[in-house]
């Protein structure tokens, strides 16, 4: 069973490093996906809109230890469909091992590329993201 949840502009949906237990589908609005930088700031590495799913990597790559690899912040008022871990796990139960290995590999690559990108991309200022 899926539920909806609303967030206001600037509200954090989850933080990098948090334990994951759900995935989200954007129903209305926009969500920024942000990575921490070595200088203590944050950089937006993606903007998600209606129909896009995020927050799934914690489940698809068990080597990540179930941790969030980025921070998700509402860039305006948003409505999200919440998909809980139990539901996702049921959907993945019959996935062939080769597909599971492929998903894990893609998640590891995406995590690595996101970290590299965050370290070199110029910081775009958002009033609701704290940067030094």
Protein backbone atom coordinates (compact mmCIF):
# COMPACT_ATOMS: atom_id res chain seq x y z
CA UNK A 1 0.00 0.00 0.00
CA UNK A 2 1.36 3.38 -1.00
CA UNK A 3 0.75 6.62 0.87
CA UNK A 4 1.33 10.24 -0.07
CA UNK A 5 3.31 12.79 1.88
CA UNK A 6 3.69 16.53 1.37
CA UNK A 7 6.82 18.59 1.96
CA UNK A 8 7.21 22.36 1.84
CA UNK A 9 9.91 24.26 -0.03
CA UNK A 10 13.29 23.76 1.63
CA UNK A 11 12.21 20.79 3.73
CA UNK A 12 14.63 17.87 3.86
CA UNK A 13 13.08 14.58 2.78
CA UNK A 14 16.12 12.55 3.82
CA UNK A 15 19.81 13.20 4.49
CA UNK A 16 22.92 11.63 3.04
CA UNK A 17 24.01 8.86 5.41
CA UNK A 18 20.53 8.19 6.85
CA UNK A 19 19.32 4.62 6.88
CA UNK A 20 16.87 4.05 4.05
CA UNK A 21 13.49 2.42 4.52
CA UNK A 22 11.41 3.87 1.68
CA UNK A 23 11.52 5.13 -1.89
CA UNK A 24 9.62 8.07 -3.35
CA UNK A 25 7.76 8.93 -6.55
CA UNK A 26 7.28 12.63 -7.34
CA UNK A 27 3.59 13.32 -7.87
CA UNK A 28 3.80 17.14 -7.90
CA UNK A 29 6.64 19.64 -7.58
CA UNK A 30 10.42 19.28 -7.74
CA UNK A 31 13.02 17.60 -5.54
CA UNK A 32 16.72 18.45 -5.51
CA UNK A 33 19.18 15.62 -4.97
CA UNK A 34 22.28 17.00 -3.23
CA UNK A 35 25.70 15.65 -2.29
CA UNK A 36 27.96 16.83 0.50
CA UNK A 37 31.25 18.43 -0.48
CA UNK A 38 34.58 18.20 1.29
CA UNK A 39 34.39 21.93 2.07
CA UNK A 40 31.25 21.29 4.14
CA UNK A 41 28.82 22.62 1.58
CA UNK A 42 26.27 20.85 -0.56
CA UNK A 43 25.80 20.78 -4.30
CA UNK A 44 22.67 19.87 -6.24
CA UNK A 45 23.45 17.00 -8.61
CA UNK A 46 19.93 16.50 -9.90
CA UNK A 47 16.44 17.92 -10.06
CA UNK A 48 13.54 15.48 -10.17
CA UNK A 49 10.00 16.22 -11.34
CA UNK A 50 6.65 14.48 -11.72
CA UNK A 51 6.90 10.75 -12.36
CA UNK A 52 10.51 10.39 -11.28
CA UNK A 53 11.45 7.90 -8.56
CA UNK A 54 14.27 8.47 -6.09
CA UNK A 55 15.66 7.04 -2.87
CA UNK A 56 15.94 3.48 -4.19
CA UNK A 57 19.70 2.98 -4.10
CA UNK A 58 19.77 1.98 -0.42
CA UNK A 59 17.78 -1.14 -1.34
CA UNK A 60 19.26 -1.98 -4.73
CA UNK A 61 22.86 -2.02 -3.53
CA UNK A 62 23.22 -3.88 -0.22
CA UNK A 63 26.95 -3.09 -0.15
CA UNK A 64 25.98 0.50 0.66
CA UNK A 65 24.79 -0.73 4.06
CA UNK A 66 21.28 0.59 3.55
CA UNK A 67 22.50 4.20 3.79
CA UNK A 68 21.31 7.14 1.73
CA UNK A 69 23.93 8.26 -0.78
CA UNK A 70 22.58 11.81 -1.13
CA UNK A 71 20.25 14.33 0.49
CA UNK A 72 16.80 15.02 -0.99
CA UNK A 73 15.29 18.48 -0.49
CA UNK A 74 11.96 19.87 -1.69
CA UNK A 75 12.80 22.77 -4.03
CA UNK A 76 9.15 23.87 -3.91
CA UNK A 77 6.06 22.43 -2.25
CA UNK A 78 5.94 18.77 -3.30
CA UNK A 79 3.63 15.79 -3.07
CA UNK A 80 5.33 12.41 -3.00
CA UNK A 81 4.11 8.85 -3.17
CA UNK A 82 5.93 6.86 -0.48
CA UNK A 83 6.86 3.28 -1.37
CA UNK A 84 7.93 1.38 1.74
CA UNK A 85 10.78 -1.12 1.77
CA UNK A 86 8.46 -4.09 2.33
CA UNK A 87 6.61 -3.32 -0.91
CA UNK A 88 9.82 -2.95 -2.89
CA UNK A 89 11.24 -6.12 -1.43
CA UNK A 90 8.13 -8.03 -2.57
CA UNK A 91 8.52 -6.63 -6.08
CA UNK A 92 12.19 -7.68 -6.19
CA UNK A 93 11.73 -11.21 -4.77
CA UNK A 94 11.46 -12.86 -8.18
CA UNK A 95 14.23 -10.87 -9.83
CA UNK A 96 16.79 -13.15 -11.50
CA UNK A 97 20.25 -13.05 -9.85
CA UNK A 98 21.81 -11.60 -13.01
CA UNK A 99 19.42 -8.61 -12.88
CA UNK A 100 20.12 -8.11 -9.18
CA UNK A 101 23.86 -8.07 -9.90
CA UNK A 102 23.30 -5.59 -12.74
CA UNK A 103 21.27 -3.24 -10.49
CA UNK A 104 23.93 -3.40 -7.77
CA UNK A 105 26.66 -2.62 -10.30
CA UNK A 106 24.74 0.35 -11.74
CA UNK A 107 24.12 1.74 -8.25
CA UNK A 108 27.82 1.49 -7.36
CA UNK A 109 28.78 3.29 -10.58
CA UNK A 110 26.16 5.99 -10.03
CA UNK A 111 27.34 6.52 -6.45
CA UNK A 112 30.96 6.90 -7.62
CA UNK A 113 30.10 9.25 -10.50
CA UNK A 114 27.84 11.36 -8.25
CA UNK A 115 30.62 11.80 -5.70
CA UNK A 116 33.12 12.76 -8.41
CA UNK A 117 30.66 15.20 -9.99
CA UNK A 118 29.84 16.82 -6.65
CA UNK A 119 33.54 17.47 -6.04
CA UNK A 120 34.03 19.47 -9.25
CA UNK A 121 30.70 21.11 -10.12
CA UNK A 122 30.32 24.78 -9.17
CA UNK A 123 27.97 25.38 -6.25
CA UNK A 124 24.63 26.89 -7.29
CA UNK A 125 23.17 28.90 -4.44
CA UNK A 126 19.72 27.96 -3.17
CA UNK A 127 18.31 29.95 -0.29
CA UNK A 128 17.28 26.77 1.51
CA UNK A 129 20.62 24.93 1.23
CA UNK A 130 23.35 25.93 3.68
CA UNK A 131 26.73 26.41 2.02
CA UNK A 132 29.89 28.02 3.39
